Amino acid sequence: MVYAAFGRVNLRAAGADLTSALRLPRLQRAHSLIVWTAAFFLLWQLTKNPPWLLFAWLLHILGDIPTHVMSYFPTPFLWPFPTPFVEGIPWSTPWFMAASYGTMFMVYGGLFP
């Protein structure tokens, strides 16, 4: 195990071979920075405008990396390449959940007074 800023990193790879990579559920493949980059640039080429709304998808992926544990829905963020899984902070951790909801209430309260 290697320790990163957000927890343990397991160097066991997601998608180390094509067979196991193709068995990943579509939802997990959608949490890949590689897939996001390909979709972003493909849509940019097709529409001739950068698809700015796709940055919400990018923020979702970046938020999932440190907030999913290896035992429940680890995020293969470099799929289809070998990806180190991060042992993140589960959403069910009380202090983390309180901080998350508190931040959302403050942001929404500031945006929609």
Protein backbone atom coordinates (compact mmCIF):
# COMPACT_ATOMS: atom_id res chain seq x y z
CA MET A 1 0.00 0.00 0.00
CA VAL A 2 1.08 3.52 -0.75
CA TYR A 3 -0.36 6.47 1.15
CA ALA A 4 -1.61 9.46 -0.82
CA ALA A 5 -3.11 12.78 0.23
CA PHE A 6 -6.59 11.26 0.57
CA GLY A 7 -5.76 7.82 1.89
CA ARG A 8 -4.23 4.51 0.90
CA VAL A 9 -3.58 3.80 -2.76
CA ASN A 10 -3.84 0.20 -3.89
CA LEU A 11 -1.60 -0.40 -6.87
CA ARG A 12 -3.86 -3.25 -8.01
CA ALA A 13 -4.89 -2.09 -11.47
CA ALA A 14 -8.37 -1.72 -12.88
CA GLY A 15 -8.43 -2.76 -16.47
CA ALA A 16 -4.96 -4.32 -16.44
CA ASP A 17 -6.08 -6.54 -19.29
CA LEU A 18 -8.76 -6.02 -21.90
CA THR A 19 -11.04 -8.78 -20.61
CA SER A 20 -11.36 -7.37 -17.09
CA ALA A 21 -11.61 -3.82 -18.45
CA LEU A 22 -14.57 -4.70 -20.64
CA ARG A 23 -16.37 -6.32 -17.71
CA LEU A 24 -16.42 -3.04 -15.78
CA PRO A 25 -19.96 -1.70 -15.61
CA ARG A 26 -20.65 1.21 -17.94
CA LEU A 27 -21.15 3.49 -14.97
CA GLN A 28 -17.63 2.81 -13.75
CA ARG A 29 -16.16 3.33 -17.22
CA ALA A 30 -17.91 6.70 -17.29
CA HIS A 31 -15.83 7.71 -14.25
CA SER A 32 -12.64 7.71 -16.33
CA LEU A 33 -10.68 10.87 -17.03
CA ILE A 34 -9.60 9.27 -20.32
CA VAL A 35 -13.22 8.71 -21.39
CA TRP A 36 -14.11 12.27 -20.33
CA THR A 37 -11.22 13.73 -22.33
CA ALA A 38 -12.17 11.74 -25.44
CA ALA A 39 -15.84 12.79 -25.14
CA PHE A 40 -14.93 16.44 -24.52
CA PHE A 41 -12.65 16.73 -27.55
CA LEU A 42 -14.96 14.69 -29.79
CA LEU A 43 -17.92 16.93 -28.97
CA TRP A 44 -15.74 20.01 -29.38
CA GLN A 45 -14.76 18.87 -32.88
CA LEU A 46 -18.35 18.00 -33.83
CA THR A 47 -19.94 21.19 -32.54
CA LYS A 48 -16.99 23.58 -33.08
CA ASN A 49 -17.63 24.89 -29.55
CA PRO A 50 -16.14 23.57 -26.32
CA PRO A 51 -18.90 21.69 -24.43
CA TRP A 52 -18.58 23.61 -21.16
CA LEU A 53 -21.36 21.62 -19.48
CA LEU A 54 -19.12 18.55 -19.52
CA PHE A 55 -17.02 20.19 -16.80
CA ALA A 56 -19.75 19.12 -14.35
CA TRP A 57 -18.94 15.52 -15.32
CA LEU A 58 -15.23 16.21 -14.78
CA LEU A 59 -15.90 17.69 -11.32
CA HIS A 60 -17.98 14.61 -10.48
CA ILE A 61 -15.12 12.29 -11.46
CA LEU A 62 -12.59 14.35 -9.50
CA GLY A 63 -14.90 14.31 -6.48
CA ASP A 64 -15.40 10.54 -6.68
CA ILE A 65 -11.70 9.68 -6.62
CA PRO A 66 -11.07 10.66 -2.97
CA THR A 67 -14.58 9.77 -1.73
CA HIS A 68 -14.94 6.12 -2.71
CA VAL A 69 -13.41 3.24 -0.80
CA MET A 70 -11.83 0.24 -2.52
CA SER A 71 -14.43 -2.14 -1.07
CA TYR A 72 -17.38 -0.20 -2.54
CA PHE A 73 -17.27 1.19 -6.06
CA PRO A 74 -13.58 2.09 -6.47
CA THR A 75 -13.15 4.71 -9.18
CA PRO A 76 -11.12 3.49 -12.21
CA PHE A 77 -10.22 7.08 -13.15
CA LEU A 78 -7.61 6.12 -15.78
CA TRP A 79 -9.63 3.37 -17.49
CA PRO A 80 -8.74 1.71 -19.94
CA PHE A 81 -5.20 2.07 -18.61
CA PRO A 82 -4.05 0.46 -15.34
CA THR A 83 -5.44 2.58 -12.52
CA PRO A 84 -4.29 2.71 -8.91
CA PHE A 85 -7.36 2.64 -6.67
CA VAL A 86 -7.52 5.19 -3.89
CA GLU A 87 -8.83 4.21 -0.45
CA GLY A 88 -10.85 7.36 0.04
CA ILE A 89 -13.11 8.73 2.75
CA PRO A 90 -16.57 7.12 2.60
CA TRP A 91 -19.54 9.47 2.41
CA SER A 92 -21.01 7.70 5.42
CA THR A 93 -18.24 9.04 7.70
CA PRO A 94 -20.17 11.40 10.04
CA TRP A 95 -17.75 14.35 10.03
CA PHE A 96 -17.32 14.13 6.26
CA MET A 97 -21.07 13.98 5.65
CA ALA A 98 -21.65 16.97 7.93
CA ALA A 99 -18.90 18.96 6.19
CA SER A 100 -20.28 18.04 2.76
CA TYR A 101 -23.88 18.98 3.54
CA GLY A 102 -22.78 22.09 5.41
CA THR A 103 -20.78 23.26 2.42
CA MET A 104 -23.70 22.61 0.05
CA PHE A 105 -26.10 24.56 2.28
CA MET A 106 -23.68 27.50 2.43
CA VAL A 107 -23.14 27.53 -1.34
CA TYR A 108 -26.85 27.19 -2.14
CA GLY A 109 -27.70 29.77 0.53
CA GLY A 110 -25.25 32.18 -1.09
CA LEU A 111 -26.49 31.53 -4.61
CA PHE A 112 -30.20 31.57 -3.81
CA PRO A 113 -30.77 33.86 -0.80
